[in-house]
Amino acid sequence: MENEQICEHIKNLQELKLPKELVCEECVKIGGQWVHLRTCQTCGMTLCCDDSPNTHMTKHYHSTAHPVVISAVPGERWLWCYKDEIFSEY
């Protein structure tokens, strides 16, 4: 990880959890649609981003306090810490 201003949540990641499938697990349950996907680095759940109608990943953060996600969009290589509002490429 190459960002000099990396929070402790990102620094403490041992290994990145990659998406198991490129679907929002919650949107699939309700028949919803998503724009982009994010994968939680605490539990590995893949959910939709804030540009999606249901904003499942932000809701996941608020309900679990799991702070760090990675983009699950193929070719994108970045992390976001909700708690510290820190973006970092890897």
PDB file of N, CA and C in Angstrom:
ATOM      1  N   MET A   1       0.839  -1.167   0.000  1.00  0.00           N
ATOM      2  CA  MET A   1       0.000   0.000   0.000  1.00  0.00           C
ATOM      3  C   MET A   1       0.887   1.234   0.000  1.00  0.00           C
ATOM      4  N   GLU A   2       0.604   2.143  -0.911  1.00  0.00           N
ATOM      5  CA  GLU A   2       1.558   3.207  -1.175  1.00  0.00           C
ATOM      6  C   GLU A   2       1.172   4.579  -0.622  1.00  0.00           C
ATOM      7  N   ASN A   3       0.084   4.718   0.067  1.00  0.00           N
ATOM      8  CA  ASN A   3      -0.335   6.014   0.577  1.00  0.00           C
ATOM      9  C   ASN A   3       0.364   6.292   1.897  1.00  0.00           C
ATOM     10  N   GLU A   4       0.954   7.483   2.036  1.00  0.00           N
ATOM     11  CA  GLU A   4       1.654   7.826   3.265  1.00  0.00           C
ATOM     12  C   GLU A   4       0.688   8.084   4.414  1.00  0.00           C
ATOM     13  N   GLN A   5      -0.517   8.532   4.125  1.00  0.00           N
ATOM     14  CA  GLN A   5      -1.505   8.792   5.164  1.00  0.00           C
ATOM     15  C   GLN A   5      -2.482   7.629   5.227  1.00  0.00           C
ATOM     16  N   ILE A   6      -2.031   6.532   5.781  1.00  0.00           N
ATOM     17  CA  ILE A   6      -2.859   5.347   5.904  1.00  0.00           C
ATOM     18  C   ILE A   6      -3.251   5.203   7.372  1.00  0.00           C
ATOM     19  N   CYS A   7      -4.516   4.968   7.609  1.00  0.00           N
ATOM     20  CA  CYS A   7      -4.988   4.803   8.980  1.00  0.00           C
ATOM     21  C   CYS A   7      -4.591   3.428   9.523  1.00  0.00           C
ATOM     22  N   GLU A   8      -4.748   3.270  10.815  1.00  0.00           N
ATOM     23  CA  GLU A   8      -4.401   2.005  11.466  1.00  0.00           C
ATOM     24  C   GLU A   8      -5.264   0.848  10.968  1.00  0.00           C
ATOM     25  N   HIS A   9      -6.521   1.130  10.636  1.00  0.00           N
ATOM     26  CA  HIS A   9      -7.399   0.054  10.153  1.00  0.00           C
ATOM     27  C   HIS A   9      -6.854  -0.550   8.862  1.00  0.00           C
ATOM     28  N   ILE A  10      -6.381   0.295   7.957  1.00  0.00           N
ATOM     29  CA  ILE A  10      -5.811  -0.190   6.700  1.00  0.00           C
ATOM     30  C   ILE A  10      -4.441  -0.806   6.945  1.00  0.00           C
ATOM     31  N   LYS A  11      -3.619  -0.169   7.759  1.00  0.00           N
ATOM     32  CA  LYS A  11      -2.279  -0.711   8.057  1.00  0.00           C
ATOM     33  C   LYS A  11      -2.354  -2.106   8.652  1.00  0.00           C
ATOM     34  N   ASN A  12      -3.377  -2.370   9.442  1.00  0.00           N
ATOM     35  CA  ASN A  12      -3.472  -3.646  10.147  1.00  0.00           C
ATOM     36  C   ASN A  12      -4.027  -4.788   9.310  1.00  0.00           C
ATOM     37  N   LEU A  13      -4.401  -4.528   8.065  1.00  0.00           N
ATOM     38  CA  LEU A  13      -4.889  -5.611   7.211  1.00  0.00           C
ATOM     39  C   LEU A  13      -3.745  -6.567   6.908  1.00  0.00           C
ATOM     40  N   GLN A  14      -3.964  -7.836   7.129  1.00  0.00           N
ATOM     41  CA  GLN A  14      -2.950  -8.853   6.858  1.00  0.00           C
ATOM     42  C   GLN A  14      -3.020  -9.350   5.420  1.00  0.00           C
ATOM     43  N   GLU A  15      -4.236  -9.556   4.949  1.00  0.00           N
ATOM     44  CA  GLU A  15      -4.459 -10.100   3.605  1.00  0.00           C
ATOM     45  C   GLU A  15      -5.804  -9.574   3.113  1.00  0.00           C
ATOM     46  N   LEU A  16      -5.876  -9.164   1.864  1.00  0.00           N
ATOM     47  CA  LEU A  16      -7.118  -8.621   1.330  1.00  0.00           C
ATOM     48  C   LEU A  16      -8.130  -9.731   1.066  1.00  0.00           C
ATOM     49  N   LYS A  17      -9.354  -9.468   1.458  1.00  0.00           N
ATOM     50  CA  LYS A  17     -10.457 -10.378   1.150  1.00  0.00           C
ATOM     51  C   LYS A  17     -11.042  -9.937  -0.188  1.00  0.00           C
ATOM     52  N   LEU A  18     -11.015 -10.824  -1.153  1.00  0.00           N
ATOM     53  CA  LEU A  18     -11.530 -10.533  -2.486  1.00  0.00           C
ATOM     54  C   LEU A  18     -12.966 -11.027  -2.592  1.00  0.00           C
ATOM     55  N   PRO A  19     -13.753 -10.446  -3.488  1.00  0.00           N
ATOM     56  CA  PRO A  19     -15.152 -10.884  -3.610  1.00  0.00           C
ATOM     57  C   PRO A  19     -15.245 -12.331  -4.061  1.00  0.00           C
ATOM     58  N   LYS A  20     -16.209 -13.048  -3.494  1.00  0.00           N
ATOM     59  CA  LYS A  20     -16.458 -14.429  -3.908  1.00  0.00           C
ATOM     60  C   LYS A  20     -17.223 -14.439  -5.223  1.00  0.00           C
ATOM     61  N   GLU A  21     -18.176 -13.507  -5.334  1.00  0.00           N
ATOM     62  CA  GLU A  21     -18.961 -13.329  -6.547  1.00  0.00           C
ATOM     63  C   GLU A  21     -19.128 -11.842  -6.783  1.00  0.00           C
ATOM     64  N   LEU A  22     -19.307 -11.441  -8.011  1.00  0.00           N
ATOM     65  CA  LEU A  22     -19.488 -10.026  -8.323  1.00  0.00           C
ATOM     66  C   LEU A  22     -20.975  -9.669  -8.335  1.00  0.00           C
ATOM     67  N   VAL A  23     -21.589  -9.844  -7.159  1.00  0.00           N
ATOM     68  CA  VAL A  23     -22.990  -9.487  -6.943  1.00  0.00           C
ATOM     69  C   VAL A  23     -23.114  -8.872  -5.557  1.00  0.00           C
ATOM     70  N   CYS A  24     -24.121  -8.001  -5.394  1.00  0.00           N
ATOM     71  CA  CYS A  24     -24.443  -7.496  -4.062  1.00  0.00           C
ATOM     72  C   CYS A  24     -25.297  -8.561  -3.376  1.00  0.00           C
ATOM     73  N   GLU A  25     -24.779  -9.120  -2.302  1.00  0.00           N
ATOM     74  CA  GLU A  25     -25.470 -10.209  -1.620  1.00  0.00           C
ATOM     75  C   GLU A  25     -26.866  -9.809  -1.133  1.00  0.00           C
ATOM     76  N   GLU A  26     -27.032  -8.564  -0.701  1.00  0.00           N
ATOM     77  CA  GLU A  26     -28.331  -8.102  -0.209  1.00  0.00           C
ATOM     78  C   GLU A  26     -29.283  -7.753  -1.354  1.00  0.00           C
ATOM     79  N   CYS A  27     -28.769  -7.148  -2.428  1.00  0.00           N
ATOM     80  CA  CYS A  27     -29.631  -6.847  -3.580  1.00  0.00           C
ATOM     81  C   CYS A  27     -30.192  -8.123  -4.196  1.00  0.00           C
ATOM     82  N   VAL A  28     -29.378  -9.183  -4.228  1.00  0.00           N
ATOM     83  CA  VAL A  28     -29.847 -10.462  -4.776  1.00  0.00           C
ATOM     84  C   VAL A  28     -31.055 -10.948  -3.973  1.00  0.00           C
ATOM     85  N   LYS A  29     -31.008 -10.791  -2.657  1.00  0.00           N
ATOM     86  CA  LYS A  29     -32.105 -11.255  -1.794  1.00  0.00           C
ATOM     87  C   LYS A  29     -33.404 -10.506  -2.061  1.00  0.00           C
ATOM     88  N   ILE A  30     -33.310  -9.207  -2.404  1.00  0.00           N
ATOM     89  CA  ILE A  30     -34.520  -8.386  -2.566  1.00  0.00           C
ATOM     90  C   ILE A  30     -34.849  -8.065  -4.026  1.00  0.00           C
ATOM     91  N   GLY A  31     -34.046  -8.589  -4.946  1.00  0.00           N
ATOM     92  CA  GLY A  31     -34.269  -8.309  -6.362  1.00  0.00           C
ATOM     93  C   GLY A  31     -33.854  -6.902  -6.748  1.00  0.00           C
ATOM     94  N   GLY A  32     -32.904  -6.330  -5.999  1.00  0.00           N
ATOM     95  CA  GLY A  32     -32.441  -4.970  -6.261  1.00  0.00           C
ATOM     96  C   GLY A  32     -31.351  -4.924  -7.327  1.00  0.00           C
ATOM     97  N   GLN A  33     -30.977  -3.710  -7.684  1.00  0.00           N
ATOM     98  CA  GLN A  33     -29.916  -3.498  -8.673  1.00  0.00           C
ATOM     99  C   GLN A  33     -28.793  -2.705  -8.022  1.00  0.00           C
ATOM    100  N   TRP A  34     -27.587  -2.858  -8.550  1.00  0.00           N
ATOM    101  CA  TRP A  34     -26.442  -2.142  -8.010  1.00  0.00           C
ATOM    102  C   TRP A  34     -25.652  -1.504  -9.133  1.00  0.00           C
ATOM    103  N   VAL A  35     -24.816  -0.533  -8.753  1.00  0.00           N
ATOM    104  CA  VAL A  35     -23.947   0.155  -9.709  1.00  0.00           C
ATOM    105  C   VAL A  35     -22.537  -0.416  -9.597  1.00  0.00           C
ATOM    106  N   HIS A  36     -21.923  -0.278  -8.419  1.00  0.00           N
ATOM    107  CA  HIS A  36     -20.576  -0.808  -8.167  1.00  0.00           C
ATOM    108  C   HIS A  36     -20.611  -1.607  -6.877  1.00  0.00           C
ATOM    109  N   LEU A  37     -19.594  -2.432  -6.699  1.00  0.00           N
ATOM    110  CA  LEU A  37     -19.542  -3.311  -5.529  1.00  0.00           C
ATOM    111  C   LEU A  37     -18.318  -3.029  -4.673  1.00  0.00           C
ATOM    112  N   ARG A  38     -18.457  -3.292  -3.372  1.00  0.00           N
ATOM    113  CA  ARG A  38     -17.378  -3.160  -2.401  1.00  0.00           C
ATOM    114  C   ARG A  38     -17.340  -4.431  -1.573  1.00  0.00           C
ATOM    115  N   THR A  39     -16.136  -4.836  -1.143  1.00  0.00           N
ATOM    116  CA  THR A  39     -15.996  -6.029  -0.310  1.00  0.00           C
ATOM    117  C   THR A  39     -15.452  -5.635   1.057  1.00  0.00           C
ATOM    118  N   CYS A  40     -16.161  -6.013   2.095  1.00  0.00           N
ATOM    119  CA  CYS A  40     -15.782  -5.723   3.475  1.00  0.00           C
ATOM    120  C   CYS A  40     -14.519  -6.501   3.828  1.00  0.00           C
ATOM    121  N   GLN A  41     -13.559  -5.814   4.420  1.00  0.00           N
ATOM    122  CA  GLN A  41     -12.299  -6.454   4.762  1.00  0.00           C
ATOM    123  C   GLN A  41     -12.306  -7.086   6.147  1.00  0.00           C
ATOM    124  N   THR A  42     -13.418  -6.980   6.848  1.00  0.00           N
ATOM    125  CA  THR A  42     -13.566  -7.676   8.124  1.00  0.00           C
ATOM    126  C   THR A  42     -14.224  -9.031   7.921  1.00  0.00           C
ATOM    127  N   CYS A  43     -15.355  -9.042   7.199  1.00  0.00           N
ATOM    128  CA  CYS A  43     -16.124 -10.280   7.069  1.00  0.00           C
ATOM    129  C   CYS A  43     -16.163 -10.857   5.654  1.00  0.00           C
ATOM    130  N   GLY A  44     -15.713 -10.089   4.648  1.00  0.00           N
ATOM    131  CA  GLY A  44     -15.691 -10.591   3.281  1.00  0.00           C
ATOM    132  C   GLY A  44     -16.989 -10.425   2.505  1.00  0.00           C
ATOM    133  N   MET A  45     -18.001  -9.799   3.101  1.00  0.00           N
ATOM    134  CA  MET A  45     -19.281  -9.604   2.419  1.00  0.00           C
ATOM    135  C   MET A  45     -19.118  -8.606   1.272  1.00  0.00           C
ATOM    136  N   THR A  46     -19.709  -8.883   0.135  1.00  0.00           N
ATOM    137  CA  THR A  46     -19.686  -7.971  -1.009  1.00  0.00           C
ATOM    138  C   THR A  46     -21.068  -7.357  -1.164  1.00  0.00           C
ATOM    139  N   LEU A  47     -21.080  -6.009  -1.153  1.00  0.00           N
ATOM    140  CA  LEU A  47     -22.337  -5.261  -1.191  1.00  0.00           C
ATOM    141  C   LEU A  47     -22.205  -4.055  -2.106  1.00  0.00           C
ATOM    142  N   CYS A  48     -23.338  -3.411  -2.394  1.00  0.00           N
ATOM    143  CA  CYS A  48     -23.356  -2.288  -3.327  1.00  0.00           C
ATOM    144  C   CYS A  48     -22.883  -0.979  -2.693  1.00  0.00           C
ATOM    145  N   CYS A  49     -22.423  -0.078  -3.557  1.00  0.00           N
ATOM    146  CA  CYS A  49     -21.851   1.210  -3.146  1.00  0.00           C
ATOM    147  C   CYS A  49     -22.929   2.271  -2.956  1.00  0.00           C
ATOM    148  N   ASP A  50     -22.500   3.474  -2.597  1.00  0.00           N
ATOM    149  CA  ASP A  50     -23.429   4.577  -2.358  1.00  0.00           C
ATOM    150  C   ASP A  50     -24.069   5.119  -3.631  1.00  0.00           C
ATOM    151  N   ASP A  51     -23.543   4.808  -4.797  1.00  0.00           N
ATOM    152  CA  ASP A  51     -24.183   5.199  -6.051  1.00  0.00           C
ATOM    153  C   ASP A  51     -25.348   4.267  -6.390  1.00  0.00           C
ATOM    154  N   SER A  52     -25.449   3.164  -5.677  1.00  0.00           N
ATOM    155  CA  SER A  52     -26.521   2.195  -5.892  1.00  0.00           C
ATOM    156  C   SER A  52     -27.740   2.593  -5.069  1.00  0.00           C
ATOM    157  N   PRO A  53     -28.942   2.232  -5.530  1.00  0.00           N
ATOM    158  CA  PRO A  53     -30.163   2.651  -4.837  1.00  0.00           C
ATOM    159  C   PRO A  53     -30.231   2.242  -3.361  1.00  0.00           C
ATOM    160  N   ASN A  54     -29.681   1.079  -3.007  1.00  0.00           N
ATOM    161  CA  ASN A  54     -29.846   0.573  -1.641  1.00  0.00           C
ATOM    162  C   ASN A  54     -28.660   0.821  -0.709  1.00  0.00           C
ATOM    163  N   THR A  55     -27.561   1.304  -1.218  1.00  0.00           N
ATOM    164  CA  THR A  55     -26.365   1.644  -0.416  1.00  0.00           C
ATOM    165  C   THR A  55     -26.059   0.606   0.673  1.00  0.00           C
ATOM    166  N   HIS A  56     -26.059  -0.660   0.288  1.00  0.00           N
ATOM    167  CA  HIS A  56     -25.912  -1.724   1.275  1.00  0.00           C
ATOM    168  C   HIS A  56     -24.575  -1.711   2.017  1.00  0.00           C
ATOM    169  N   MET A  57     -23.473  -1.339   1.357  1.00  0.00           N
ATOM    170  CA  MET A  57     -22.193  -1.385   2.075  1.00  0.00           C
ATOM    171  C   MET A  57     -22.136  -0.332   3.175  1.00  0.00           C
ATOM    172  N   THR A  58     -22.632   0.861   2.925  1.00  0.00           N
ATOM    173  CA  THR A  58     -22.642   1.874   3.985  1.00  0.00           C
ATOM    174  C   THR A  58     -23.557   1.436   5.124  1.00  0.00           C
ATOM    175  N   LYS A  59     -24.684   0.845   4.809  1.00  0.00           N
ATOM    176  CA  LYS A  59     -25.586   0.322   5.848  1.00  0.00           C
ATOM    177  C   LYS A  59     -24.878  -0.775   6.644  1.00  0.00           C
ATOM    178  N   HIS A  60     -24.104  -1.605   5.953  1.00  0.00           N
ATOM    179  CA  HIS A  60     -23.331  -2.663   6.618  1.00  0.00           C
ATOM    180  C   HIS A  60     -22.335  -2.048   7.601  1.00  0.00           C
ATOM    181  N   TYR A  61     -21.642  -1.013   7.166  1.00  0.00           N
ATOM    182  CA  TYR A  61     -20.689  -0.341   8.070  1.00  0.00           C
ATOM    183  C   TYR A  61     -21.413   0.195   9.307  1.00  0.00           C
ATOM    184  N   HIS A  62     -22.525   0.863   9.122  1.00  0.00           N
ATOM    185  CA  HIS A  62     -23.241   1.450  10.259  1.00  0.00           C
ATOM    186  C   HIS A  62     -23.789   0.387  11.215  1.00  0.00           C
ATOM    187  N   SER A  63     -24.130  -0.778  10.698  1.00  0.00           N
ATOM    188  CA  SER A  63     -24.673  -1.817  11.573  1.00  0.00           C
ATOM    189  C   SER A  63     -23.601  -2.702  12.206  1.00  0.00           C
ATOM    190  N   THR A  64     -22.410  -2.753  11.601  1.00  0.00           N
ATOM    191  CA  THR A  64     -21.369  -3.660  12.110  1.00  0.00           C
ATOM    192  C   THR A  64     -20.118  -2.951  12.611  1.00  0.00           C
ATOM    193  N   ALA A  65     -19.882  -1.717  12.154  1.00  0.00           N
ATOM    194  CA  ALA A  65     -18.647  -0.966  12.435  1.00  0.00           C
ATOM    195  C   ALA A  65     -17.417  -1.615  11.783  1.00  0.00           C
ATOM    196  N   HIS A  66     -17.605  -2.430  10.755  1.00  0.00           N
ATOM    197  CA  HIS A  66     -16.480  -2.964   9.981  1.00  0.00           C
ATOM    198  C   HIS A  66     -15.946  -1.812   9.139  1.00  0.00           C
ATOM    199  N   PRO A  67     -14.723  -1.330   9.392  1.00  0.00           N
ATOM    200  CA  PRO A  67     -14.307  -0.050   8.829  1.00  0.00           C
ATOM    201  C   PRO A  67     -13.814  -0.033   7.388  1.00  0.00           C
ATOM    202  N   VAL A  68     -13.180  -1.098   6.902  1.00  0.00           N
ATOM    203  CA  VAL A  68     -12.467  -1.015   5.622  1.00  0.00           C
ATOM    204  C   VAL A  68     -13.122  -1.875   4.551  1.00  0.00           C
ATOM    205  N   VAL A  69     -13.235  -1.287   3.346  1.00  0.00           N
ATOM    206  CA  VAL A  69     -13.722  -2.011   2.177  1.00  0.00           C
ATOM    207  C   VAL A  69     -12.718  -1.834   1.039  1.00  0.00           C
ATOM    208  N   ILE A  70     -12.752  -2.775   0.099  1.00  0.00           N
ATOM    209  CA  ILE A  70     -12.025  -2.593  -1.154  1.00  0.00           C
ATOM    210  C   ILE A  70     -13.050  -2.515  -2.272  1.00  0.00           C
ATOM    211  N   SER A  71     -12.646  -1.892  -3.369  1.00  0.00           N
ATOM    212  CA  SER A  71     -13.485  -1.915  -4.552  1.00  0.00           C
ATOM    213  C   SER A  71     -13.509  -3.336  -5.095  1.00  0.00           C
ATOM    214  N   ALA A  72     -14.693  -3.811  -5.443  1.00  0.00           N
ATOM    215  CA  ALA A  72     -14.822  -5.135  -6.055  1.00  0.00           C
ATOM    216  C   ALA A  72     -14.991  -5.007  -7.567  1.00  0.00           C
ATOM    217  N   VAL A  73     -14.731  -3.820  -8.088  1.00  0.00           N
ATOM    218  CA  VAL A  73     -14.803  -3.588  -9.526  1.00  0.00           C
ATOM    219  C   VAL A  73     -13.514  -4.116 -10.157  1.00  0.00           C
ATOM    220  N   PRO A  74     -13.600  -5.026 -11.122  1.00  0.00           N
ATOM    221  CA  PRO A  74     -12.386  -5.546 -11.749  1.00  0.00           C
ATOM    222  C   PRO A  74     -11.494  -4.415 -12.270  1.00  0.00           C
ATOM    223  N   GLY A  75     -10.209  -4.498 -11.939  1.00  0.00           N
ATOM    224  CA  GLY A  75      -9.233  -3.507 -12.380  1.00  0.00           C
ATOM    225  C   GLY A  75      -9.026  -2.356 -11.414  1.00  0.00           C
ATOM    226  N   GLU A  76      -9.954  -2.133 -10.485  1.00  0.00           N
ATOM    227  CA  GLU A  76      -9.770  -1.082  -9.481  1.00  0.00           C
ATOM    228  C   GLU A  76      -9.026  -1.666  -8.284  1.00  0.00           C
ATOM    229  N   ARG A  77      -8.064  -0.891  -7.772  1.00  0.00           N
ATOM    230  CA  ARG A  77      -7.235  -1.374  -6.666  1.00  0.00           C
ATOM    231  C   ARG A  77      -7.143  -0.296  -5.590  1.00  0.00           C
ATOM    232  N   TRP A  78      -8.211  -0.187  -4.807  1.00  0.00           N
ATOM    233  CA  TRP A  78      -8.205   0.806  -3.741  1.00  0.00           C
ATOM    234  C   TRP A  78      -9.002   0.321  -2.542  1.00  0.00           C
ATOM    235  N   LEU A  79      -8.693   0.961  -1.402  1.00  0.00           N
ATOM    236  CA  LEU A  79      -9.379   0.680  -0.142  1.00  0.00           C
ATOM    237  C   LEU A  79      -9.983   1.971   0.379  1.00  0.00           C
ATOM    238  N   TRP A  80     -11.027   1.853   1.185  1.00  0.00           N
ATOM    239  CA  TRP A  80     -11.655   2.992   1.843  1.00  0.00           C
ATOM    240  C   TRP A  80     -11.931   2.621   3.288  1.00  0.00           C
ATOM    241  N   CYS A  81     -11.544   3.498   4.198  1.00  0.00           N
ATOM    242  CA  CYS A  81     -11.863   3.309   5.608  1.00  0.00           C
ATOM    243  C   CYS A  81     -13.008   4.255   5.948  1.00  0.00           C
ATOM    244  N   TYR A  82     -14.155   3.697   6.265  1.00  0.00           N
ATOM    245  CA  TYR A  82     -15.312   4.502   6.634  1.00  0.00           C
ATOM    246  C   TYR A  82     -15.041   5.304   7.901  1.00  0.00           C
ATOM    247  N   LYS A  83     -14.466   4.660   8.891  1.00  0.00           N
ATOM    248  CA  LYS A  83     -14.274   5.317  10.188  1.00  0.00           C
ATOM    249  C   LYS A  83     -13.371   6.540  10.083  1.00  0.00           C
ATOM    250  N   ASP A  84     -12.249   6.401   9.383  1.00  0.00           N
ATOM    251  CA  ASP A  84     -11.278   7.493   9.299  1.00  0.00           C
ATOM    252  C   ASP A  84     -11.406   8.310   8.012  1.00  0.00           C
ATOM    253  N   GLU A  85     -12.308   7.895   7.127  1.00  0.00           N
ATOM    254  CA  GLU A  85     -12.502   8.555   5.836  1.00  0.00           C
ATOM    255  C   GLU A  85     -11.173   8.710   5.082  1.00  0.00           C
ATOM    256  N   ILE A  86     -10.471   7.580   4.967  1.00  0.00           N
ATOM    257  CA  ILE A  86      -9.164   7.522   4.295  1.00  0.00           C
ATOM    258  C   ILE A  86      -9.293   6.627   3.065  1.00  0.00           C
ATOM    259  N   PHE A  87      -8.791   7.109   1.943  1.00  0.00           N
ATOM    260  CA  PHE A  87      -8.734   6.383   0.683  1.00  0.00           C
ATOM    261  C   PHE A  87      -7.295   5.986   0.451  1.00  0.00           C
ATOM    262  N   SER A  88      -7.051   4.778  -0.027  1.00  0.00           N
ATOM    263  CA  SER A  88      -5.694   4.336  -0.312  1.00  0.00           C
ATOM    264  C   SER A  88      -5.701   3.373  -1.501  1.00  0.00           C
ATOM    265  N   GLU A  89      -4.782   3.597  -2.418  1.00  0.00           N
ATOM    266  CA  GLU A  89      -4.595   2.632  -3.505  1.00  0.00           C
ATOM    267  C   GLU A  89      -3.657   1.545  -3.037  1.00  0.00           C
ATOM    268  N   TYR A  90      -3.737   0.383  -3.679  1.00  0.00           N
ATOM    269  CA  TYR A  90      -2.793  -0.703  -3.346  1.00  0.00           C
ATOM    270  C   TYR A  90      -2.284  -1.335  -4.601  1.00  0.00           C
TER     271      TYR A  90
END
